């Protein structure tokens, strides 16, 4: 009869341990990046230096969701003139349009607690379109300094920028397909 309370306590702890955890994105270790065609000659690559968001993740079954808000004014091609052009009236037009892009999605296709993809939507330039990201890696471990759970992931996909009304360069032969990669690190909320 003494084993029953211990069994119930173990079962309760097991169920509690399987609950989803909410993680806050660490903006100093998260840099969504992109690559876009330059007239079929080369690719322009860049990143967004400022972002925020959260991840909800259940390590037991691989379910969860992600939301990343990216500050378009922080766009960084590694060339100041290109950054200014992208923020200006010929592309993002940040004085008139939303200064952020947001990706929201849910985890799917989990094997061994690790999702295979994030199925979601990208909101950019006032338009929302479906975008699926393949999850290449996801790992969690205790944060060495914060002593809380810490996860990192790498996911990528692509989208057609014309779907978002961003057609600069199309008449010159630029392809509209853009590669999107989201490298993220997030720490469990206290």
Foldseek 3Di string as FASTA:
>chain_A
DVVVVVVVVVVVVVVVLQAKFKWKWDLQQKWKKKWWFDLVPDIQIWTFNGKIWMWIFGQQAQKTKTKMKGQLLRICSPDVVVSVVCCPDLFQNVVPFPRIKMWIFIFDDDDNSHGQKTWTWIQGLNDIDTWMKGKPDKDWDQDPPVRFIKMKTKIKTKDFCVNNVGCPCVVSRIGRIMIIMITTMTTTDD
